[in-house]
Amino acid sequence: MLIIKTTAYSEAGVKHSQAYDEARIAYMKSLARAGVLLADEE
């Protein structure tokens, strides 16, 4: 489990930038293509 720790920003509900969201989606796709992704939740 790759555990993403909370920050003051995530606790305040501040949304990430579009660039970060796009990078995260690309990362998840690479995990899925490699066949290692089981779950990803926020």
Full PDB file with SEQRES, HELIX, SHEET, SSBOND, CRYST1, ORIGX, SCALE, CONECT and MASTER records, all heavy atoms in Angstrom:
SEQRES   1 A   42  MET LEU ILE ILE LYS THR THR ALA TYR SER GLU ALA GLY          
SEQRES   2 A   42  VAL LYS HIS SER GLN ALA TYR ASP GLU ALA ARG ILE ALA          
SEQRES   3 A   42  TYR MET LYS SER LEU ALA ARG ALA GLY VAL LEU LEU ALA          
SEQRES   4 A   42  ASP GLU GLU                                                  
HELIX    1 AA1 ALA A    8  GLU A   11  1                                   4    
HELIX    2 AA2 GLN A   18  ALA A   34  1                                  17    
CRYST1    1.000    1.000    1.000  90.00  90.00  90.00 P 1           1          
ORIGX1      1.000000  0.000000  0.000000        0.00000                         
ORIGX2      0.000000  1.000000  0.000000        0.00000                         
ORIGX3      0.000000  0.000000  1.000000        0.00000                         
SCALE1      1.000000  0.000000  0.000000        0.00000                         
SCALE2      0.000000  1.000000  0.000000        0.00000                         
SCALE3      0.000000  0.000000  1.000000        0.00000                         
ATOM      1  N   MET A   1       0.855  -1.169   0.000  1.00  0.00           N  
ATOM      2  CA  MET A   1       0.000   0.000   0.000  1.00  0.00           C  
ATOM      3  C   MET A   1       0.897   1.227   0.000  1.00  0.00           C  
ATOM      4  O   MET A   1       1.793   1.349   0.828  1.00  0.00           O  
ATOM      5  CB  MET A   1      -0.911   0.008   1.224  1.00  0.00           C  
ATOM      6  CG  MET A   1      -1.888   1.168   1.239  1.00  0.00           C  
ATOM      7  SD  MET A   1      -3.012   1.106   2.642  1.00  0.00           S  
ATOM      8  CE  MET A   1      -4.167  -0.120   2.061  1.00  0.00           C  
ATOM      9  N   LEU A   2       0.665   2.093  -0.990  1.00  0.00           N  
ATOM     10  CA  LEU A   2       1.355   3.378  -1.040  1.00  0.00           C  
ATOM     11  C   LEU A   2       0.393   4.367  -0.386  1.00  0.00           C  
ATOM     12  O   LEU A   2      -0.645   4.704  -0.954  1.00  0.00           O  
ATOM     13  CB  LEU A   2       1.655   3.769  -2.484  1.00  0.00           C  
ATOM     14  CG  LEU A   2       2.331   2.698  -3.349  1.00  0.00           C  
ATOM     15  CD1 LEU A   2       2.591   3.237  -4.751  1.00  0.00           C  
ATOM     16  CD2 LEU A   2       3.604   2.185  -2.714  1.00  0.00           C  
ATOM     17  N   ILE A   3       0.732   4.790   0.816  1.00  0.00           N  
ATOM     18  CA  ILE A   3      -0.161   5.622   1.628  1.00  0.00           C  
ATOM     19  C   ILE A   3       0.223   7.085   1.442  1.00  0.00           C  
ATOM     20  O   ILE A   3       1.339   7.483   1.746  1.00  0.00           O  
ATOM     21  CB  ILE A   3      -0.064   5.228   3.111  1.00  0.00           C  
ATOM     22  CG1 ILE A   3      -0.412   3.741   3.278  1.00  0.00           C  
ATOM     23  CG2 ILE A   3      -0.963   6.112   3.962  1.00  0.00           C  
ATOM     24  CD1 ILE A   3      -0.040   3.167   4.629  1.00  0.00           C  
ATOM     25  N   ILE A   4      -0.722   7.869   0.953  1.00  0.00           N  
ATOM     26  CA  ILE A   4      -0.492   9.301   0.761  1.00  0.00           C  
ATOM     27  C   ILE A   4      -0.944  10.000   2.039  1.00  0.00           C  
ATOM     28  O   ILE A   4      -2.104   9.914   2.433  1.00  0.00           O  
ATOM     29  CB  ILE A   4      -1.258   9.839  -0.471  1.00  0.00           C  
ATOM     30  CG1 ILE A   4      -0.732   9.182  -1.758  1.00  0.00           C  
ATOM     31  CG2 ILE A   4      -1.111  11.350  -0.578  1.00  0.00           C  
ATOM     32  CD1 ILE A   4      -1.559   8.041  -2.223  1.00  0.00           C  
ATOM     33  N   LYS A   5      -0.013  10.660   2.675  1.00  0.00           N  
ATOM     34  CA  LYS A   5      -0.319  11.319   3.943  1.00  0.00           C  
ATOM     35  C   LYS A   5      -1.057  12.639   3.714  1.00  0.00           C  
ATOM     36  O   LYS A   5      -0.878  13.309   2.704  1.00  0.00           O  
ATOM     37  CB  LYS A   5       0.972  11.588   4.730  1.00  0.00           C  
ATOM     38  CG  LYS A   5       1.715  10.333   5.121  1.00  0.00           C  
ATOM     39  CD  LYS A   5       0.899   9.492   6.081  1.00  0.00           C  
ATOM     40  CE  LYS A   5       1.713   8.333   6.599  1.00  0.00           C  
ATOM     41  NZ  LYS A   5       1.464   8.012   7.963  1.00  0.00           N  
ATOM     42  N   THR A   6      -1.856  12.983   4.686  1.00  0.00           N  
ATOM     43  CA  THR A   6      -2.638  14.214   4.655  1.00  0.00           C  
ATOM     44  C   THR A   6      -1.736  15.428   4.837  1.00  0.00           C  
ATOM     45  O   THR A   6      -0.742  15.381   5.561  1.00  0.00           O  
ATOM     46  CB  THR A   6      -3.689  14.180   5.786  1.00  0.00           C  
ATOM     47  OG1 THR A   6      -4.567  13.094   5.545  1.00  0.00           O  
ATOM     48  CG2 THR A   6      -4.475  15.454   5.861  1.00  0.00           C  
ATOM     49  N   THR A   7      -2.110  16.515   4.176  1.00  0.00           N  
ATOM     50  CA  THR A   7      -1.468  17.815   4.390  1.00  0.00           C  
ATOM     51  C   THR A   7      -2.545  18.787   4.845  1.00  0.00           C  
ATOM     52  O   THR A   7      -3.734  18.476   4.792  1.00  0.00           O  
ATOM     53  CB  THR A   7      -0.834  18.345   3.092  1.00  0.00           C  
ATOM     54  OG1 THR A   7      -1.874  18.622   2.155  1.00  0.00           O  
ATOM     55  CG2 THR A   7       0.161  17.350   2.502  1.00  0.00           C  
ATOM     56  N   ALA A   8      -2.144  19.955   5.262  1.00  0.00           N  
ATOM     57  CA  ALA A   8      -3.131  20.976   5.651  1.00  0.00           C  
ATOM     58  C   ALA A   8      -4.032  21.311   4.465  1.00  0.00           C  
ATOM     59  O   ALA A   8      -5.221  21.571   4.627  1.00  0.00           O  
ATOM     60  CB  ALA A   8      -2.413  22.228   6.160  1.00  0.00           C  
ATOM     61  N   TYR A   9      -3.478  21.248   3.257  1.00  0.00           N  
ATOM     62  CA  TYR A   9      -4.263  21.557   2.067  1.00  0.00           C  
ATOM     63  C   TYR A   9      -5.310  20.474   1.785  1.00  0.00           C  
ATOM     64  O   TYR A   9      -6.458  20.768   1.486  1.00  0.00           O  
ATOM     65  CB  TYR A   9      -3.363  21.741   0.839  1.00  0.00           C  
ATOM     66  CG  TYR A   9      -2.615  23.043   0.865  1.00  0.00           C  
ATOM     67  CD1 TYR A   9      -1.294  23.089   1.265  1.00  0.00           C  
ATOM     68  CD2 TYR A   9      -3.234  24.225   0.494  1.00  0.00           C  
ATOM     69  CE1 TYR A   9      -0.601  24.290   1.306  1.00  0.00           C  
ATOM     70  CE2 TYR A   9      -2.550  25.436   0.525  1.00  0.00           C  
ATOM     71  CZ  TYR A   9      -1.235  25.451   0.936  1.00  0.00           C  
ATOM     72  OH  TYR A   9      -0.569  26.646   0.976  1.00  0.00           O  
ATOM     73  N   SER A  10      -4.900  19.208   1.868  1.00  0.00           N  
ATOM     74  CA  SER A  10      -5.870  18.138   1.600  1.00  0.00           C  
ATOM     75  C   SER A  10      -6.951  18.115   2.680  1.00  0.00           C  
ATOM     76  O   SER A  10      -8.117  17.866   2.394  1.00  0.00           O  
ATOM     77  CB  SER A  10      -5.179  16.771   1.494  1.00  0.00           C  
ATOM     78  OG  SER A  10      -4.547  16.410   2.695  1.00  0.00           O  
ATOM     79  N   GLU A  11      -6.590  18.409   3.916  1.00  0.00           N  
ATOM     80  CA  GLU A  11      -7.576  18.465   4.999  1.00  0.00           C  
ATOM     81  C   GLU A  11      -8.558  19.619   4.805  1.00  0.00           C  
ATOM     82  O   GLU A  11      -9.711  19.528   5.205  1.00  0.00           O  
ATOM     83  CB  GLU A  11      -6.890  18.608   6.360  1.00  0.00           C  
ATOM     84  CG  GLU A  11      -6.524  17.298   6.988  1.00  0.00           C  
ATOM     85  CD  GLU A  11      -7.713  16.406   7.282  1.00  0.00           C  
ATOM     86  OE1 GLU A  11      -8.466  16.680   8.234  1.00  0.00           O  
ATOM     87  OE2 GLU A  11      -7.901  15.424   6.547  1.00  0.00           O  
ATOM     88  N   ALA A  12      -8.090  20.693   4.185  1.00  0.00           N  
ATOM     89  CA  ALA A  12      -8.969  21.844   3.922  1.00  0.00           C  
ATOM     90  C   ALA A  12      -9.811  21.634   2.665  1.00  0.00           C  
ATOM     91  O   ALA A  12     -10.652  22.473   2.333  1.00  0.00           O  
ATOM     92  CB  ALA A  12      -8.133  23.115   3.793  1.00  0.00           C  
ATOM     93  N   GLY A  13      -9.579  20.531   1.965  1.00  0.00           N  
ATOM     94  CA  GLY A  13     -10.352  20.250   0.759  1.00  0.00           C  
ATOM     95  C   GLY A  13      -9.881  21.007  -0.466  1.00  0.00           C  
ATOM     96  O   GLY A  13     -10.598  21.103  -1.459  1.00  0.00           O  
ATOM     97  N   VAL A  14      -8.655  21.547  -0.407  1.00  0.00           N  
ATOM     98  CA  VAL A  14      -8.109  22.285  -1.543  1.00  0.00           C  
ATOM     99  C   VAL A  14      -7.810  21.295  -2.668  1.00  0.00           C  
ATOM    100  O   VAL A  14      -7.141  20.281  -2.459  1.00  0.00           O  
ATOM    101  CB  VAL A  14      -6.825  23.046  -1.139  1.00  0.00           C  
ATOM    102  CG1 VAL A  14      -6.172  23.700  -2.345  1.00  0.00           C  
ATOM    103  CG2 VAL A  14      -7.126  24.057  -0.052  1.00  0.00           C  
ATOM    104  N   LYS A  15      -8.312  21.579  -3.842  1.00  0.00           N  
ATOM    105  CA  LYS A  15      -8.110  20.708  -4.995  1.00  0.00           C  
ATOM    106  C   LYS A  15      -6.731  20.943  -5.596  1.00  0.00           C  
ATOM    107  O   LYS A  15      -6.187  22.036  -5.540  1.00  0.00           O  
ATOM    108  CB  LYS A  15      -9.199  20.948  -6.056  1.00  0.00           C  
ATOM    109  CG  LYS A  15     -10.605  20.630  -5.563  1.00  0.00           C  
ATOM    110  CD  LYS A  15     -10.721  19.164  -5.207  1.00  0.00           C  
ATOM    111  CE  LYS A  15     -12.084  18.833  -4.650  1.00  0.00           C  
ATOM    112  NZ  LYS A  15     -12.131  17.535  -4.029  1.00  0.00           N  
ATOM    113  N   HIS A  16      -6.190  19.891  -6.198  1.00  0.00           N  
ATOM    114  CA  HIS A  16      -4.884  19.985  -6.832  1.00  0.00           C  
ATOM    115  C   HIS A  16      -4.994  20.683  -8.183  1.00  0.00           C  
ATOM    116  O   HIS A  16      -6.072  20.826  -8.746  1.00  0.00           O  
ATOM    117  CB  HIS A  16      -4.296  18.584  -7.026  1.00  0.00           C  
ATOM    118  CG  HIS A  16      -4.050  17.873  -5.737  1.00  0.00           C  
ATOM    119  ND1 HIS A  16      -3.074  18.253  -4.845  1.00  0.00           N  
ATOM    120  CD2 HIS A  16      -4.661  16.801  -5.180  1.00  0.00           C  
ATOM    121  CE1 HIS A  16      -3.092  17.454  -3.805  1.00  0.00           C  
ATOM    122  NE2 HIS A  16      -4.048  16.564  -3.974  1.00  0.00           N  
ATOM    123  N   SER A  17      -3.846  21.052  -8.734  1.00  0.00           N  
ATOM    124  CA  SER A  17      -3.802  21.691 -10.044  1.00  0.00           C  
ATOM    125  C   SER A  17      -4.178  20.683 -11.130  1.00  0.00           C  
ATOM    126  O   SER A  17      -4.077  19.467 -10.943  1.00  0.00           O  
ATOM    127  CB  SER A  17      -2.403  22.229 -10.327  1.00  0.00           C  
ATOM    128  OG  SER A  17      -1.505  21.146 -10.521  1.00  0.00           O  
ATOM    129  N   GLN A  18      -4.569  21.200 -12.265  1.00  0.00           N  
ATOM    130  CA  GLN A  18      -4.919  20.343 -13.392  1.00  0.00           C  
ATOM    131  C   GLN A  18      -3.690  19.554 -13.850  1.00  0.00           C  
ATOM    132  O   GLN A  18      -3.801  18.383 -14.203  1.00  0.00           O  
ATOM    133  CB  GLN A  18      -5.488  21.166 -14.542  1.00  0.00           C  
ATOM    134  CG  GLN A  18      -5.947  20.302 -15.701  1.00  0.00           C  
ATOM    135  CD  GLN A  18      -6.609  21.107 -16.793  1.00  0.00           C  
ATOM    136  OE1 GLN A  18      -6.869  22.293 -16.656  1.00  0.00           O  
ATOM    137  NE2 GLN A  18      -6.892  20.447 -17.902  1.00  0.00           N  
ATOM    138  N   ALA A  19      -2.534  20.183 -13.809  1.00  0.00           N  
ATOM    139  CA  ALA A  19      -1.298  19.499 -14.214  1.00  0.00           C  
ATOM    140  C   ALA A  19      -1.034  18.296 -13.310  1.00  0.00           C  
ATOM    141  O   ALA A  19      -0.660  17.216 -13.793  1.00  0.00           O  
ATOM    142  CB  ALA A  19      -0.123  20.472 -14.170  1.00  0.00           C  
ATOM    143  N   TYR A  20      -1.230  18.464 -11.998  1.00  0.00           N  
ATOM    144  CA  TYR A  20      -1.031  17.344 -11.073  1.00  0.00           C  
ATOM    145  C   TYR A  20      -2.059  16.250 -11.341  1.00  0.00           C  
ATOM    146  O   TYR A  20      -1.713  15.061 -11.385  1.00  0.00           O  
ATOM    147  CB  TYR A  20      -1.125  17.803  -9.620  1.00  0.00           C  
ATOM    148  CG  TYR A  20      -1.150  16.648  -8.650  1.00  0.00           C  
ATOM    149  CD1 TYR A  20       0.014  15.948  -8.353  1.00  0.00           C  
ATOM    150  CD2 TYR A  20      -2.337  16.227  -8.058  1.00  0.00           C  
ATOM    151  CE1 TYR A  20       0.006  14.869  -7.485  1.00  0.00           C  
ATOM    152  CE2 TYR A  20      -2.360  15.143  -7.195  1.00  0.00           C  
ATOM    153  CZ  TYR A  20      -1.194  14.475  -6.910  1.00  0.00           C  
ATOM    154  OH  TYR A  20      -1.207  13.399  -6.065  1.00  0.00           O  
ATOM    155  N   ASP A  21      -3.317  16.624 -11.529  1.00  0.00           N  
ATOM    156  CA  ASP A  21      -4.363  15.640 -11.803  1.00  0.00           C  
ATOM    157  C   ASP A  21      -4.051  14.834 -13.059  1.00  0.00           C  
ATOM    158  O   ASP A  21      -4.206  13.610 -13.085  1.00  0.00           O  
ATOM    159  CB  ASP A  21      -5.732  16.311 -11.933  1.00  0.00           C  
ATOM    160  CG  ASP A  21      -6.265  16.822 -10.601  1.00  0.00           C  
ATOM    161  OD1 ASP A  21      -5.794  16.357  -9.541  1.00  0.00           O  
ATOM    162  OD2 ASP A  21      -7.160  17.697 -10.622  1.00  0.00           O  
ATOM    163  N   GLU A  22      -3.567  15.515 -14.107  1.00  0.00           N  
ATOM    164  CA  GLU A  22      -3.209  14.828 -15.350  1.00  0.00           C  
ATOM    165  C   GLU A  22      -2.018  13.895 -15.144  1.00  0.00           C  
ATOM    166  O   GLU A  22      -1.997  12.770 -15.663  1.00  0.00           O  
ATOM    167  CB  GLU A  22      -2.926  15.846 -16.452  1.00  0.00           C  
ATOM    168  CG  GLU A  22      -4.176  16.566 -16.926  1.00  0.00           C  
ATOM    169  CD  GLU A  22      -3.891  17.748 -17.834  1.00  0.00           C  
ATOM    170  OE1 GLU A  22      -2.701  18.040 -18.110  1.00  0.00           O  
ATOM    171  OE2 GLU A  22      -4.870  18.396 -18.268  1.00  0.00           O  
ATOM    172  N   ALA A  23      -1.032  14.324 -14.366  1.00  0.00           N  
ATOM    173  CA  ALA A  23       0.133  13.488 -14.082  1.00  0.00           C  
ATOM    174  C   ALA A  23      -0.282  12.265 -13.272  1.00  0.00           C  
ATOM    175  O   ALA A  23       0.207  11.157 -13.506  1.00  0.00           O  
ATOM    176  CB  ALA A  23       1.192  14.290 -13.328  1.00  0.00           C  
ATOM    177  N   ARG A  24      -1.197  12.455 -12.357  1.00  0.00           N  
ATOM    178  CA  ARG A  24      -1.688  11.341 -11.528  1.00  0.00           C  
ATOM    179  C   ARG A  24      -2.441  10.319 -12.385  1.00  0.00           C  
ATOM    180  O   ARG A  24      -2.267   9.108 -12.215  1.00  0.00           O  
ATOM    181  CB  ARG A  24      -2.578  11.890 -10.416  1.00  0.00           C  
ATOM    182  CG  ARG A  24      -3.031  10.854  -9.445  1.00  0.00           C  
ATOM    183  CD  ARG A  24      -2.586  11.192  -8.038  1.00  0.00           C  
ATOM    184  NE  ARG A  24      -3.263  10.330  -7.101  1.00  0.00           N  
ATOM    185  CZ  ARG A  24      -2.737   9.191  -6.659  1.00  0.00           C  
ATOM    186  NH1 ARG A  24      -1.550   8.825  -7.036  1.00  0.00           N  
ATOM    187  NH2 ARG A  24      -3.401   8.431  -5.822  1.00  0.00           N  
ATOM    188  N   ILE A  25      -3.270  10.799 -13.302  1.00  0.00           N  
ATOM    189  CA  ILE A  25      -4.003   9.904 -14.202  1.00  0.00           C  
ATOM    190  C   ILE A  25      -3.023   9.108 -15.063  1.00  0.00           C  
ATOM    191  O   ILE A  25      -3.169   7.895 -15.226  1.00  0.00           O  
ATOM    192  CB  ILE A  25      -5.002  10.699 -15.070  1.00  0.00           C  
ATOM    193  CG1 ILE A  25      -6.157  11.213 -14.207  1.00  0.00           C  
ATOM    194  CG2 ILE A  25      -5.534   9.852 -16.217  1.00  0.00           C  
ATOM    195  CD1 ILE A  25      -7.039  12.252 -14.884  1.00  0.00           C  
ATOM    196  N   ALA A  26      -2.000   9.769 -15.585  1.00  0.00           N  
ATOM    197  CA  ALA A  26      -0.986   9.087 -16.397  1.00  0.00           C  
ATOM    198  C   ALA A  26      -0.252   8.035 -15.566  1.00  0.00           C  
ATOM    199  O   ALA A  26       0.021   6.924 -16.044  1.00  0.00           O  
ATOM    200  CB  ALA A  26      -0.006  10.104 -16.979  1.00  0.00           C  
ATOM    201  N   TYR A  27       0.049   8.359 -14.320  1.00  0.00           N  
ATOM    202  CA  TYR A  27       0.723   7.419 -13.422  1.00  0.00           C  
ATOM    203  C   TYR A  27      -0.157   6.194 -13.182  1.00  0.00           C  
ATOM    204  O   TYR A  27       0.315   5.055 -13.253  1.00  0.00           O  
ATOM    205  CB  TYR A  27       1.057   8.135 -12.113  1.00  0.00           C  
ATOM    206  CG  TYR A  27       1.586   7.241 -11.029  1.00  0.00           C  
ATOM    207  CD1 TYR A  27       2.873   6.706 -11.099  1.00  0.00           C  
ATOM    208  CD2 TYR A  27       0.814   6.934  -9.912  1.00  0.00           C  
ATOM    209  CE1 TYR A  27       3.361   5.887 -10.090  1.00  0.00           C  
ATOM    210  CE2 TYR A  27       1.294   6.121  -8.898  1.00  0.00           C  
ATOM    211  CZ  TYR A  27       2.566   5.607  -8.990  1.00  0.00           C  
ATOM    212  OH  TYR A  27       3.050   4.802  -8.004  1.00  0.00           O  
ATOM    213  N   MET A  28      -1.438   6.411 -12.923  1.00  0.00           N  
ATOM    214  CA  MET A  28      -2.358   5.291 -12.692  1.00  0.00           C  
ATOM    215  C   MET A  28      -2.468   4.414 -13.939  1.00  0.00           C  
ATOM    216  O   MET A  28      -2.523   3.184 -13.844  1.00  0.00           O  
ATOM    217  CB  MET A  28      -3.746   5.790 -12.282  1.00  0.00           C  
ATOM    218  CG  MET A  28      -3.814   6.372 -10.891  1.00  0.00           C  
ATOM    219  SD  MET A  28      -3.231   5.210  -9.655  1.00  0.00           S  
ATOM    220  CE  MET A  28      -2.320   6.316  -8.617  1.00  0.00           C  
ATOM    221  N   LYS A  29      -2.490   5.039 -15.102  1.00  0.00           N  
ATOM    222  CA  LYS A  29      -2.535   4.267 -16.347  1.00  0.00           C  
ATOM    223  C   LYS A  29      -1.274   3.431 -16.504  1.00  0.00           C  
ATOM    224  O   LYS A  29      -1.335   2.291 -16.962  1.00  0.00           O  
ATOM    225  CB  LYS A  29      -2.725   5.197 -17.544  1.00  0.00           C  
ATOM    226  CG  LYS A  29      -4.136   5.743 -17.659  1.00  0.00           C  
ATOM    227  CD  LYS A  29      -4.286   6.647 -18.864  1.00  0.00           C  
ATOM    228  CE  LYS A  29      -5.713   7.170 -18.973  1.00  0.00           C  
ATOM    229  NZ  LYS A  29      -5.875   8.076 -20.120  1.00  0.00           N  
ATOM    230  N   SER A  30      -0.115   3.965 -16.115  1.00  0.00           N  
ATOM    231  CA  SER A  30       1.127   3.199 -16.222  1.00  0.00           C  
ATOM    232  C   SER A  30       1.118   2.021 -15.250  1.00  0.00           C  
ATOM    233  O   SER A  30       1.581   0.935 -15.595  1.00  0.00           O  
ATOM    234  CB  SER A  30       2.352   4.092 -16.014  1.00  0.00           C  
ATOM    235  OG  SER A  30       2.435   4.552 -14.689  1.00  0.00           O  
ATOM    236  N   LEU A  31       0.566   2.208 -14.057  1.00  0.00           N  
ATOM    237  CA  LEU A  31       0.426   1.097 -13.113  1.00  0.00           C  
ATOM    238  C   LEU A  31      -0.494   0.022 -13.686  1.00  0.00           C  
ATOM    239  O   LEU A  31      -0.196  -1.175 -13.600  1.00  0.00           O  
ATOM    240  CB  LEU A  31      -0.150   1.588 -11.780  1.00  0.00           C  
ATOM    241  CG  LEU A  31       0.759   2.385 -10.852  1.00  0.00           C  
ATOM    242  CD1 LEU A  31      -0.050   3.002  -9.716  1.00  0.00           C  
ATOM    243  CD2 LEU A  31       1.862   1.515 -10.300  1.00  0.00           C  
ATOM    244  N   ALA A  32      -1.607   0.458 -14.292  1.00  0.00           N  
ATOM    245  CA  ALA A  32      -2.568  -0.485 -14.864  1.00  0.00           C  
ATOM    246  C   ALA A  32      -1.950  -1.241 -16.041  1.00  0.00           C  
ATOM    247  O   ALA A  32      -2.099  -2.461 -16.150  1.00  0.00           O  
ATOM    248  CB  ALA A  32      -3.840   0.251 -15.294  1.00  0.00           C  
ATOM    249  N   ARG A  33      -1.232  -0.520 -16.920  1.00  0.00           N  
ATOM    250  CA  ARG A  33      -0.583  -1.174 -18.072  1.00  0.00           C  
ATOM    251  C   ARG A  33       0.441  -2.208 -17.616  1.00  0.00           C  
ATOM    252  O   ARG A  33       0.612  -3.245 -18.246  1.00  0.00           O  
ATOM    253  CB  ARG A  33       0.091  -0.137 -18.969  1.00  0.00           C  
ATOM    254  CG  ARG A  33      -0.834   0.514 -19.972  1.00  0.00           C  
ATOM    255  CD  ARG A  33      -0.070   1.310 -21.023  1.00  0.00           C  
ATOM    256  NE  ARG A  33       0.817   2.323 -20.476  1.00  0.00           N  
ATOM    257  CZ  ARG A  33       0.446   3.565 -20.136  1.00  0.00           C  
ATOM    258  NH1 ARG A  33      -0.800   3.942 -20.302  1.00  0.00           N  
ATOM    259  NH2 ARG A  33       1.313   4.417 -19.657  1.00  0.00           N  
ATOM    260  N   ALA A  34       1.120  -1.923 -16.516  1.00  0.00           N  
ATOM    261  CA  ALA A  34       2.119  -2.850 -15.987  1.00  0.00           C  
ATOM    262  C   ALA A  34       1.459  -4.028 -15.266  1.00  0.00           C  
ATOM    263  O   ALA A  34       2.139  -4.994 -14.907  1.00  0.00           O  
ATOM    264  CB  ALA A  34       3.066  -2.120 -15.034  1.00  0.00           C  
ATOM    265  N   GLY A  35       0.151  -3.935 -15.032  1.00  0.00           N  
ATOM    266  CA  GLY A  35      -0.580  -5.023 -14.387  1.00  0.00           C  
ATOM    267  C   GLY A  35      -0.376  -5.109 -12.892  1.00  0.00           C  
ATOM    268  O   GLY A  35      -0.594  -6.162 -12.299  1.00  0.00           O  
ATOM    269  N   VAL A  36       0.034  -4.010 -12.255  1.00  0.00           N  
ATOM    270  CA  VAL A  36       0.301  -4.045 -10.813  1.00  0.00           C  
ATOM    271  C   VAL A  36      -0.746  -3.303  -9.983  1.00  0.00           C  
ATOM    272  O   VAL A  36      -0.775  -3.451  -8.763  1.00  0.00           O  
ATOM    273  CB  VAL A  36       1.711  -3.504 -10.489  1.00  0.00           C  
ATOM    274  CG1 VAL A  36       2.786  -4.340 -11.168  1.00  0.00           C  
ATOM    275  CG2 VAL A  36       1.861  -2.046 -10.859  1.00  0.00           C  
ATOM    276  N   LEU A  37      -1.619  -2.537 -10.617  1.00  0.00           N  
ATOM    277  CA  LEU A  37      -2.596  -1.725  -9.889  1.00  0.00           C  
ATOM    278  C   LEU A  37      -3.762  -2.582  -9.409  1.00  0.00           C  
ATOM    279  O   LEU A  37      -4.410  -3.261 -10.194  1.00  0.00           O  
ATOM    280  CB  LEU A  37      -3.121  -0.595 -10.785  1.00  0.00           C  
ATOM    281  CG  LEU A  37      -4.164   0.334 -10.154  1.00  0.00           C  
ATOM    282  CD1 LEU A  37      -3.580   1.087  -8.964  1.00  0.00           C  
ATOM    283  CD2 LEU A  37      -4.683   1.309 -11.197  1.00  0.00           C  
ATOM    284  N   LEU A  38      -4.023  -2.544  -8.102  1.00  0.00           N  
ATOM    285  CA  LEU A  38      -5.166  -3.247  -7.530  1.00  0.00           C  
ATOM    286  C   LEU A  38      -6.265  -2.275  -7.118  1.00  0.00           C  
ATOM    287  O   LEU A  38      -7.448  -2.580  -7.263  1.00  0.00           O  
ATOM    288  CB  LEU A  38      -4.739  -4.066  -6.301  1.00  0.00           C  
ATOM    289  CG  LEU A  38      -3.717  -5.173  -6.554  1.00  0.00           C  
ATOM    290  CD1 LEU A  38      -3.320  -5.835  -5.238  1.00  0.00           C  
ATOM    291  CD2 LEU A  38      -4.268  -6.194  -7.533  1.00  0.00           C  
ATOM    292  N   ALA A  39      -5.880  -1.110  -6.589  1.00  0.00           N  
ATOM    293  CA  ALA A  39      -6.868  -0.123  -6.146  1.00  0.00           C  
ATOM    294  C   ALA A  39      -6.195   1.236  -6.012  1.00  0.00           C  
ATOM    295  O   ALA A  39      -4.989   1.322  -5.794  1.00  0.00           O  
ATOM    296  CB  ALA A  39      -7.482  -0.524  -4.804  1.00  0.00           C  
ATOM    297  N   ASP A  40      -6.990   2.271  -6.138  1.00  0.00           N  
ATOM    298  CA  ASP A  40      -6.509   3.642  -5.941  1.00  0.00           C  
ATOM    299  C   ASP A  40      -7.692   4.459  -5.438  1.00  0.00           C  
ATOM    300  O   ASP A  40      -8.700   4.577  -6.135  1.00  0.00           O  
ATOM    301  CB  ASP A  40      -5.972   4.228  -7.245  1.00  0.00           C  
ATOM    302  CG  ASP A  40      -5.495   5.664  -7.060  1.00  0.00           C  
ATOM    303  OD1 ASP A  40      -4.587   5.880  -6.237  1.00  0.00           O  
ATOM    304  OD2 ASP A  40      -6.053   6.555  -7.707  1.00  0.00           O  
ATOM    305  N   GLU A  41      -7.592   4.974  -4.233  1.00  0.00           N  
ATOM    306  CA  GLU A  41      -8.701   5.709  -3.628  1.00  0.00           C  
ATOM    307  C   GLU A  41      -8.205   6.968  -2.929  1.00  0.00           C  
ATOM    308  O   GLU A  41      -7.119   6.990  -2.365  1.00  0.00           O  
ATOM    309  CB  GLU A  41      -9.437   4.838  -2.600  1.00  0.00           C  
ATOM    310  CG  GLU A  41     -10.027   3.567  -3.156  1.00  0.00           C  
ATOM    311  CD  GLU A  41     -11.203   3.780  -4.097  1.00  0.00           C  
ATOM    312  OE1 GLU A  41     -11.850   4.846  -4.003  1.00  0.00           O  
ATOM    313  OE2 GLU A  41     -11.470   2.901  -4.915  1.00  0.00           O  
ATOM    314  N   GLU A  42      -9.037   7.990  -2.978  1.00  0.00           N  
ATOM    315  CA  GLU A  42      -8.774   9.229  -2.256  1.00  0.00           C  
ATOM    316  C   GLU A  42      -9.799   9.316  -1.136  1.00  0.00           C  
ATOM    317  O   GLU A  42     -10.975   9.028  -1.345  1.00  0.00           O  
ATOM    318  CB  GLU A  42      -8.926  10.420  -3.203  1.00  0.00           C  
ATOM    319  CG  GLU A  42      -8.542  11.736  -2.594  1.00  0.00           C  
ATOM    320  CD  GLU A  42      -8.618  12.891  -3.604  1.00  0.00           C  
ATOM    321  OE1 GLU A  42      -8.556  12.623  -4.810  1.00  0.00           O  
ATOM    322  OE2 GLU A  42      -8.755  14.033  -3.154  1.00  0.00           O  
TER     323      GLU A  42                                                      
MASTER        0    0    0    2    0    0    0    6  322    1    0    4          
END                                                                             
